[in-house]
Amino acid sequence: MADPHLRDTVLSLIAQRAARLGMSTSELTDDLDLLRSGLLDSLGFVDLVVDLEKRTGKEVDLIAAMDRPGGTTLGGVVELFARQA
């Protein structure tokens, strides 16, 4: 199960952008692909990961994250950081 605090952190980082795009919080599900949905572009995704690295003190392999199935989904990002214990 994903860390709810970590998920809340990711949501707080993308909420303003989602609101500008007219997305409701109910649309921010774990299977939402942050890139394909248009919520983030590739630079925005990199910025999200870097910000999460700073907040969590964890370093992740960004290329591996983007290459693995589901790696660019909301749940995939949370899982990526949750696995870095």
PDB file of N, CA and C in Angstrom:
ATOM      1  N   MET A   1       0.842  -1.184   0.000  1.00  0.00           N
ATOM      2  CA  MET A   1       0.000   0.000   0.000  1.00  0.00           C
ATOM      3  C   MET A   1       0.889   1.250   0.000  1.00  0.00           C
ATOM      4  N   ALA A   2       0.508   2.236  -0.785  1.00  0.00           N
ATOM      5  CA  ALA A   2       1.288   3.462  -0.902  1.00  0.00           C
ATOM      6  C   ALA A   2       1.172   4.297   0.366  1.00  0.00           C
ATOM      7  N   ASP A   3       2.225   5.022   0.656  1.00  0.00           N
ATOM      8  CA  ASP A   3       2.271   5.912   1.810  1.00  0.00           C
ATOM      9  C   ASP A   3       1.315   7.082   1.559  1.00  0.00           C
ATOM     10  N   PRO A   4       0.253   7.229   2.371  1.00  0.00           N
ATOM     11  CA  PRO A   4      -0.708   8.309   2.122  1.00  0.00           C
ATOM     12  C   PRO A   4      -0.086   9.703   2.266  1.00  0.00           C
ATOM     13  N   HIS A   5       0.891   9.845   3.163  1.00  0.00           N
ATOM     14  CA  HIS A   5       1.560  11.138   3.319  1.00  0.00           C
ATOM     15  C   HIS A   5       2.318  11.505   2.039  1.00  0.00           C
ATOM     16  N   LEU A   6       2.996  10.530   1.462  1.00  0.00           N
ATOM     17  CA  LEU A   6       3.736  10.753   0.224  1.00  0.00           C
ATOM     18  C   LEU A   6       2.773  11.104  -0.912  1.00  0.00           C
ATOM     19  N   ARG A   7       1.663  10.403  -0.979  1.00  0.00           N
ATOM     20  CA  ARG A   7       0.661  10.686  -2.007  1.00  0.00           C
ATOM     21  C   ARG A   7       0.119  12.104  -1.832  1.00  0.00           C
ATOM     22  N   ASP A   8      -0.147  12.493  -0.593  1.00  0.00           N
ATOM     23  CA  ASP A   8      -0.634  13.851  -0.318  1.00  0.00           C
ATOM     24  C   ASP A   8       0.386  14.903  -0.746  1.00  0.00           C
ATOM     25  N   THR A   9       1.669  14.605  -0.553  1.00  0.00           N
ATOM     26  CA  THR A   9       2.721  15.523  -0.966  1.00  0.00           C
ATOM     27  C   THR A   9       2.711  15.698  -2.482  1.00  0.00           C
ATOM     28  N   VAL A  10       2.608  14.588  -3.204  1.00  0.00           N
ATOM     29  CA  VAL A  10       2.550  14.661  -4.668  1.00  0.00           C
ATOM     30  C   VAL A  10       1.313  15.455  -5.091  1.00  0.00           C
ATOM     31  N   LEU A  11       0.183  15.162  -4.474  1.00  0.00           N
ATOM     32  CA  LEU A  11      -1.041  15.881  -4.826  1.00  0.00           C
ATOM     33  C   LEU A  11      -0.902  17.378  -4.574  1.00  0.00           C
ATOM     34  N   SER A  12      -0.261  17.746  -3.467  1.00  0.00           N
ATOM     35  CA  SER A  12      -0.101  19.173  -3.180  1.00  0.00           C
ATOM     36  C   SER A  12       0.773  19.854  -4.228  1.00  0.00           C
ATOM     37  N   LEU A  13       1.713  19.113  -4.788  1.00  0.00           N
ATOM     38  CA  LEU A  13       2.615  19.675  -5.796  1.00  0.00           C
ATOM     39  C   LEU A  13       1.949  19.833  -7.162  1.00  0.00           C
ATOM     40  N   ILE A  14       0.935  19.032  -7.447  1.00  0.00           N
ATOM     41  CA  ILE A  14       0.288  19.094  -8.756  1.00  0.00           C
ATOM     42  C   ILE A  14      -1.110  19.708  -8.722  1.00  0.00           C
ATOM     43  N   ALA A  15      -1.637  19.967  -7.535  1.00  0.00           N
ATOM     44  CA  ALA A  15      -3.029  20.420  -7.397  1.00  0.00           C
ATOM     45  C   ALA A  15      -3.296  21.736  -8.117  1.00  0.00           C
ATOM     46  N   GLN A  16      -2.410  22.688  -7.985  1.00  0.00           N
ATOM     47  CA  GLN A  16      -2.635  23.994  -8.603  1.00  0.00           C
ATOM     48  C   GLN A  16      -2.669  23.874 -10.127  1.00  0.00           C
ATOM     49  N   ARG A  17      -1.757  23.097 -10.667  1.00  0.00           N
ATOM     50  CA  ARG A  17      -1.726  22.878 -12.125  1.00  0.00           C
ATOM     51  C   ARG A  17      -3.013  22.169 -12.571  1.00  0.00           C
ATOM     52  N   ALA A  18      -3.437  21.177 -11.809  1.00  0.00           N
ATOM     53  CA  ALA A  18      -4.665  20.444 -12.139  1.00  0.00           C
ATOM     54  C   ALA A  18      -5.865  21.391 -12.140  1.00  0.00           C
ATOM     55  N   ALA A  19      -5.931  22.255 -11.153  1.00  0.00           N
ATOM     56  CA  ALA A  19      -7.049  23.205 -11.070  1.00  0.00           C
ATOM     57  C   ALA A  19      -7.059  24.140 -12.278  1.00  0.00           C
ATOM     58  N   ARG A  20      -5.883  24.602 -12.693  1.00  0.00           N
ATOM     59  CA  ARG A  20      -5.808  25.479 -13.874  1.00  0.00           C
ATOM     60  C   ARG A  20      -6.298  24.771 -15.131  1.00  0.00           C
ATOM     61  N   LEU A  21      -6.127  23.442 -15.162  1.00  0.00           N
ATOM     62  CA  LEU A  21      -6.578  22.675 -16.324  1.00  0.00           C
ATOM     63  C   LEU A  21      -8.029  22.219 -16.196  1.00  0.00           C
ATOM     64  N   GLY A  22      -8.674  22.615 -15.100  1.00  0.00           N
ATOM     65  CA  GLY A  22     -10.071  22.265 -14.887  1.00  0.00           C
ATOM     66  C   GLY A  22     -10.279  20.848 -14.386  1.00  0.00           C
ATOM     67  N   MET A  23      -9.243  20.253 -13.836  1.00  0.00           N
ATOM     68  CA  MET A  23      -9.348  18.887 -13.312  1.00  0.00           C
ATOM     69  C   MET A  23      -9.771  18.938 -11.848  1.00  0.00           C
ATOM     70  N   SER A  24     -10.709  18.077 -11.494  1.00  0.00           N
ATOM     71  CA  SER A  24     -11.136  17.998 -10.097  1.00  0.00           C
ATOM     72  C   SER A  24     -10.234  17.019  -9.347  1.00  0.00           C
ATOM     73  N   THR A  25     -10.272  17.102  -8.041  1.00  0.00           N
ATOM     74  CA  THR A  25      -9.441  16.199  -7.236  1.00  0.00           C
ATOM     75  C   THR A  25      -9.845  14.744  -7.425  1.00  0.00           C
ATOM     76  N   SER A  26     -11.097  14.502  -7.772  1.00  0.00           N
ATOM     77  CA  SER A  26     -11.536  13.117  -7.993  1.00  0.00           C
ATOM     78  C   SER A  26     -10.894  12.507  -9.244  1.00  0.00           C
ATOM     79  N   GLU A  27     -10.403  13.354 -10.135  1.00  0.00           N
ATOM     80  CA  GLU A  27      -9.725  12.872 -11.341  1.00  0.00           C
ATOM     81  C   GLU A  27      -8.260  12.529 -11.083  1.00  0.00           C
ATOM     82  N   LEU A  28      -7.731  12.920  -9.939  1.00  0.00           N
ATOM     83  CA  LEU A  28      -6.329  12.679  -9.613  1.00  0.00           C
ATOM     84  C   LEU A  28      -6.195  11.312  -8.945  1.00  0.00           C
ATOM     85  N   THR A  29      -6.398  10.288  -9.746  1.00  0.00           N
ATOM     86  CA  THR A  29      -6.348   8.913  -9.265  1.00  0.00           C
ATOM     87  C   THR A  29      -4.954   8.336  -9.477  1.00  0.00           C
ATOM     88  N   ASP A  30      -4.686   7.219  -8.817  1.00  0.00           N
ATOM     89  CA  ASP A  30      -3.364   6.604  -8.921  1.00  0.00           C
ATOM     90  C   ASP A  30      -3.009   6.188 -10.342  1.00  0.00           C
ATOM     91  N   ASP A  31      -3.997   5.899 -11.175  1.00  0.00           N
ATOM     92  CA  ASP A  31      -3.697   5.463 -12.542  1.00  0.00           C
ATOM     93  C   ASP A  31      -3.644   6.620 -13.547  1.00  0.00           C
ATOM     94  N   LEU A  32      -3.764   7.854 -13.057  1.00  0.00           N
ATOM     95  CA  LEU A  32      -3.659   9.026 -13.929  1.00  0.00           C
ATOM     96  C   LEU A  32      -2.221   9.169 -14.410  1.00  0.00           C
ATOM     97  N   ASP A  33      -2.022   9.115 -15.710  1.00  0.00           N
ATOM     98  CA  ASP A  33      -0.691   9.314 -16.272  1.00  0.00           C
ATOM     99  C   ASP A  33      -0.450  10.818 -16.346  1.00  0.00           C
ATOM    100  N   LEU A  34       0.520  11.278 -15.598  1.00  0.00           N
ATOM    101  CA  LEU A  34       0.776  12.708 -15.475  1.00  0.00           C
ATOM    102  C   LEU A  34       1.226  13.343 -16.783  1.00  0.00           C
ATOM    103  N   LEU A  35       1.867  12.559 -17.644  1.00  0.00           N
ATOM    104  CA  LEU A  35       2.326  13.077 -18.936  1.00  0.00           C
ATOM    105  C   LEU A  35       1.239  12.965 -20.000  1.00  0.00           C
ATOM    106  N   ARG A  36       0.678  11.800 -20.147  1.00  0.00           N
ATOM    107  CA  ARG A  36      -0.327  11.586 -21.208  1.00  0.00           C
ATOM    108  C   ARG A  36      -1.590  12.406 -20.985  1.00  0.00           C
ATOM    109  N   SER A  37      -1.902  12.691 -19.730  1.00  0.00           N
ATOM    110  CA  SER A  37      -3.090  13.492 -19.429  1.00  0.00           C
ATOM    111  C   SER A  37      -2.884  14.963 -19.766  1.00  0.00           C
ATOM    112  N   GLY A  38      -1.619  15.366 -19.951  1.00  0.00           N
ATOM    113  CA  GLY A  38      -1.309  16.763 -20.200  1.00  0.00           C
ATOM    114  C   GLY A  38      -1.143  17.571 -18.924  1.00  0.00           C
ATOM    115  N   LEU A  39      -1.279  16.904 -17.776  1.00  0.00           N
ATOM    116  CA  LEU A  39      -1.105  17.603 -16.502  1.00  0.00           C
ATOM    117  C   LEU A  39       0.315  18.142 -16.371  1.00  0.00           C
ATOM    118  N   LEU A  40       1.294  17.336 -16.768  1.00  0.00           N
ATOM    119  CA  LEU A  40       2.688  17.748 -16.766  1.00  0.00           C
ATOM    120  C   LEU A  40       3.308  17.455 -18.127  1.00  0.00           C
ATOM    121  N   ASP A  41       4.253  18.292 -18.534  1.00  0.00           N
ATOM    122  CA  ASP A  41       5.072  17.945 -19.685  1.00  0.00           C
ATOM    123  C   ASP A  41       6.323  17.269 -19.128  1.00  0.00           C
ATOM    124  N   SER A  42       7.233  16.877 -19.992  1.00  0.00           N
ATOM    125  CA  SER A  42       8.399  16.125 -19.515  1.00  0.00           C
ATOM    126  C   SER A  42       9.245  16.948 -18.544  1.00  0.00           C
ATOM    127  N   LEU A  43       9.385  18.243 -18.786  1.00  0.00           N
ATOM    128  CA  LEU A  43      10.139  19.086 -17.867  1.00  0.00           C
ATOM    129  C   LEU A  43       9.412  19.214 -16.525  1.00  0.00           C
ATOM    130  N   GLY A  44       8.108  19.333 -16.575  1.00  0.00           N
ATOM    131  CA  GLY A  44       7.318  19.394 -15.349  1.00  0.00           C
ATOM    132  C   GLY A  44       7.435  18.120 -14.541  1.00  0.00           C
ATOM    133  N   PHE A  45       7.518  16.969 -15.238  1.00  0.00           N
ATOM    134  CA  PHE A  45       7.679  15.690 -14.545  1.00  0.00           C
ATOM    135  C   PHE A  45       9.043  15.644 -13.856  1.00  0.00           C
ATOM    136  N   VAL A  46      10.070  16.103 -14.556  1.00  0.00           N
ATOM    137  CA  VAL A  46      11.416  16.146 -13.965  1.00  0.00           C
ATOM    138  C   VAL A  46      11.402  17.070 -12.742  1.00  0.00           C
ATOM    139  N   ASP A  47      10.769  18.220 -12.864  1.00  0.00           N
ATOM    140  CA  ASP A  47      10.680  19.155 -11.734  1.00  0.00           C
ATOM    141  C   ASP A  47       9.969  18.515 -10.544  1.00  0.00           C
ATOM    142  N   LEU A  48       8.901  17.765 -10.823  1.00  0.00           N
ATOM    143  CA  LEU A  48       8.167  17.070  -9.751  1.00  0.00           C
ATOM    144  C   LEU A  48       9.078  16.089  -9.029  1.00  0.00           C
ATOM    145  N   VAL A  49       9.801  15.292  -9.788  1.00  0.00           N
ATOM    146  CA  VAL A  49      10.693  14.294  -9.188  1.00  0.00           C
ATOM    147  C   VAL A  49      11.799  14.972  -8.382  1.00  0.00           C
ATOM    148  N   VAL A  50      12.381  16.027  -8.917  1.00  0.00           N
ATOM    149  CA  VAL A  50      13.445  16.747  -8.206  1.00  0.00           C
ATOM    150  C   VAL A  50      12.895  17.344  -6.904  1.00  0.00           C
ATOM    151  N   ASP A  51      11.714  17.930  -6.969  1.00  0.00           N
ATOM    152  CA  ASP A  51      11.106  18.500  -5.763  1.00  0.00           C
ATOM    153  C   ASP A  51      10.845  17.411  -4.727  1.00  0.00           C
ATOM    154  N   LEU A  52      10.371  16.261  -5.170  1.00  0.00           N
ATOM    155  CA  LEU A  52      10.127  15.154  -4.244  1.00  0.00           C
ATOM    156  C   LEU A  52      11.432  14.627  -3.653  1.00  0.00           C
ATOM    157  N   GLU A  53      12.480  14.599  -4.456  1.00  0.00           N
ATOM    158  CA  GLU A  53      13.789  14.182  -3.937  1.00  0.00           C
ATOM    159  C   GLU A  53      14.231  15.119  -2.814  1.00  0.00           C
ATOM    160  N   LYS A  54      14.057  16.406  -3.009  1.00  0.00           N
ATOM    161  CA  LYS A  54      14.438  17.387  -1.986  1.00  0.00           C
ATOM    162  C   LYS A  54      13.597  17.227  -0.724  1.00  0.00           C
ATOM    163  N   ARG A  55      12.304  17.030  -0.898  1.00  0.00           N
ATOM    164  CA  ARG A  55      11.404  16.921   0.249  1.00  0.00           C
ATOM    165  C   ARG A  55      11.587  15.624   1.024  1.00  0.00           C
ATOM    166  N   THR A  56      11.903  14.549   0.317  1.00  0.00           N
ATOM    167  CA  THR A  56      12.013  13.248   0.980  1.00  0.00           C
ATOM    168  C   THR A  56      13.441  12.874   1.350  1.00  0.00           C
ATOM    169  N   GLY A  57      14.417  13.541   0.736  1.00  0.00           N
ATOM    170  CA  GLY A  57      15.814  13.183   0.970  1.00  0.00           C
ATOM    171  C   GLY A  57      16.204  11.893   0.267  1.00  0.00           C
ATOM    172  N   LYS A  58      15.392  11.452  -0.675  1.00  0.00           N
ATOM    173  CA  LYS A  58      15.647  10.220  -1.425  1.00  0.00           C
ATOM    174  C   LYS A  58      16.010  10.562  -2.858  1.00  0.00           C
ATOM    175  N   GLU A  59      16.940   9.798  -3.423  1.00  0.00           N
ATOM    176  CA  GLU A  59      17.288   9.961  -4.829  1.00  0.00           C
ATOM    177  C   GLU A  59      16.730   8.784  -5.606  1.00  0.00           C
ATOM    178  N   VAL A  60      16.176   9.066  -6.772  1.00  0.00           N
ATOM    179  CA  VAL A  60      15.600   8.018  -7.610  1.00  0.00           C
ATOM    180  C   VAL A  60      16.206   8.084  -9.004  1.00  0.00           C
ATOM    181  N   ASP A  61      16.099   6.985  -9.723  1.00  0.00           N
ATOM    182  CA  ASP A  61      16.572   6.910 -11.096  1.00  0.00           C
ATOM    183  C   ASP A  61      15.449   7.409 -12.008  1.00  0.00           C
ATOM    184  N   LEU A  62      15.561   8.639 -12.459  1.00  0.00           N
ATOM    185  CA  LEU A  62      14.505   9.258 -13.260  1.00  0.00           C
ATOM    186  C   LEU A  62      14.271   8.523 -14.568  1.00  0.00           C
ATOM    187  N   ILE A  63      15.321   8.106 -15.231  1.00  0.00           N
ATOM    188  CA  ILE A  63      15.167   7.400 -16.510  1.00  0.00           C
ATOM    189  C   ILE A  63      14.416   6.089 -16.302  1.00  0.00           C
ATOM    190  N   ALA A  64      14.787   5.355 -15.265  1.00  0.00           N
ATOM    191  CA  ALA A  64      14.096   4.096 -14.966  1.00  0.00           C
ATOM    192  C   ALA A  64      12.629   4.357 -14.644  1.00  0.00           C
ATOM    193  N   ALA A  65      12.360   5.444 -13.944  1.00  0.00           N
ATOM    194  CA  ALA A  65      10.979   5.786 -13.603  1.00  0.00           C
ATOM    195  C   ALA A  65      10.146   6.036 -14.846  1.00  0.00           C
ATOM    196  N   MET A  66      10.712   6.761 -15.792  1.00  0.00           N
ATOM    197  CA  MET A  66       9.966   7.095 -17.003  1.00  0.00           C
ATOM    198  C   MET A  66       9.843   5.912 -17.952  1.00  0.00           C
ATOM    199  N   ASP A  67      10.772   4.977 -17.867  1.00  0.00           N
ATOM    200  CA  ASP A  67      10.765   3.831 -18.773  1.00  0.00           C
ATOM    201  C   ASP A  67       9.887   2.675 -18.301  1.00  0.00           C
ATOM    202  N   ARG A  68       9.673   2.560 -17.000  1.00  0.00           N
ATOM    203  CA  ARG A  68       8.913   1.399 -16.525  1.00  0.00           C
ATOM    204  C   ARG A  68       7.418   1.630 -16.717  1.00  0.00           C
ATOM    205  N   PRO A  69       6.678   0.546 -16.973  1.00  0.00           N
ATOM    206  CA  PRO A  69       5.229   0.680 -17.151  1.00  0.00           C
ATOM    207  C   PRO A  69       4.579   1.329 -15.928  1.00  0.00           C
ATOM    208  N   GLY A  70       3.790   2.343 -16.160  1.00  0.00           N
ATOM    209  CA  GLY A  70       3.106   3.035 -15.081  1.00  0.00           C
ATOM    210  C   GLY A  70       3.985   3.999 -14.312  1.00  0.00           C
ATOM    211  N   GLY A  71       5.200   4.184 -14.742  1.00  0.00           N
ATOM    212  CA  GLY A  71       6.140   5.034 -14.014  1.00  0.00           C
ATOM    213  C   GLY A  71       5.781   6.499 -13.997  1.00  0.00           C
ATOM    214  N   THR A  72       4.980   6.929 -14.960  1.00  0.00           N
ATOM    215  CA  THR A  72       4.614   8.343 -15.003  1.00  0.00           C
ATOM    216  C   THR A  72       3.195   8.576 -14.492  1.00  0.00           C
ATOM    217  N   THR A  73       2.605   7.558 -13.869  1.00  0.00           N
ATOM    218  CA  THR A  73       1.290   7.739 -13.254  1.00  0.00           C
ATOM    219  C   THR A  73       1.471   8.312 -11.854  1.00  0.00           C
ATOM    220  N   LEU A  74       0.416   8.850 -11.317  1.00  0.00           N
ATOM    221  CA  LEU A  74       0.456   9.365  -9.951  1.00  0.00           C
ATOM    222  C   LEU A  74       0.880   8.260  -8.988  1.00  0.00           C
ATOM    223  N   GLY A  75       0.247   7.101  -9.108  1.00  0.00           N
ATOM    224  CA  GLY A  75       0.599   5.973  -8.249  1.00  0.00           C
ATOM    225  C   GLY A  75       2.018   5.490  -8.479  1.00  0.00           C
ATOM    226  N   GLY A  76       2.483   5.540  -9.718  1.00  0.00           N
ATOM    227  CA  GLY A  76       3.840   5.112 -10.040  1.00  0.00           C
ATOM    228  C   GLY A  76       4.889   5.999  -9.397  1.00  0.00           C
ATOM    229  N   VAL A  77       4.625   7.297  -9.356  1.00  0.00           N
ATOM    230  CA  VAL A  77       5.560   8.233  -8.723  1.00  0.00           C
ATOM    231  C   VAL A  77       5.592   7.982  -7.218  1.00  0.00           C
ATOM    232  N   VAL A  78       4.427   7.799  -6.629  1.00  0.00           N
ATOM    233  CA  VAL A  78       4.369   7.521  -5.192  1.00  0.00           C
ATOM    234  C   VAL A  78       5.109   6.221  -4.885  1.00  0.00           C
ATOM    235  N   GLU A  79       4.872   5.204  -5.687  1.00  0.00           N
ATOM    236  CA  GLU A  79       5.532   3.908  -5.476  1.00  0.00           C
ATOM    237  C   GLU A  79       7.050   4.024  -5.640  1.00  0.00           C
ATOM    238  N   LEU A  80       7.486   4.801  -6.611  1.00  0.00           N
ATOM    239  CA  LEU A  80       8.910   4.996  -6.844  1.00  0.00           C
ATOM    240  C   LEU A  80       9.611   5.529  -5.593  1.00  0.00           C
ATOM    241  N   PHE A  81       8.995   6.502  -4.959  1.00  0.00           N
ATOM    242  CA  PHE A  81       9.602   7.068  -3.751  1.00  0.00           C
ATOM    243  C   PHE A  81       9.382   6.195  -2.531  1.00  0.00           C
ATOM    244  N   ALA A  82       8.282   5.493  -2.480  1.00  0.00           N
ATOM    245  CA  ALA A  82       8.009   4.612  -1.344  1.00  0.00           C
ATOM    246  C   ALA A  82       8.999   3.454  -1.317  1.00  0.00           C
ATOM    247  N   ARG A  83       9.453   2.999  -2.481  1.00  0.00           N
ATOM    248  CA  ARG A  83      10.403   1.881  -2.558  1.00  0.00           C
ATOM    249  C   ARG A  83      11.809   2.283  -2.136  1.00  0.00           C
ATOM    250  N   GLN A  84      12.092   3.565  -2.138  1.00  0.00           N
ATOM    251  CA  GLN A  84      13.425   4.064  -1.784  1.00  0.00           C
ATOM    252  C   GLN A  84      13.522   4.244  -0.272  1.00  0.00           C
ATOM    253  N   ALA A  85      13.530   3.161   0.461  1.00  0.00           N
ATOM    254  CA  ALA A  85      13.562   3.229   1.931  1.00  0.00           C
ATOM    255  C   ALA A  85      14.939   3.543   2.456  1.00  0.00           C
TER     256      ALA A  85
END
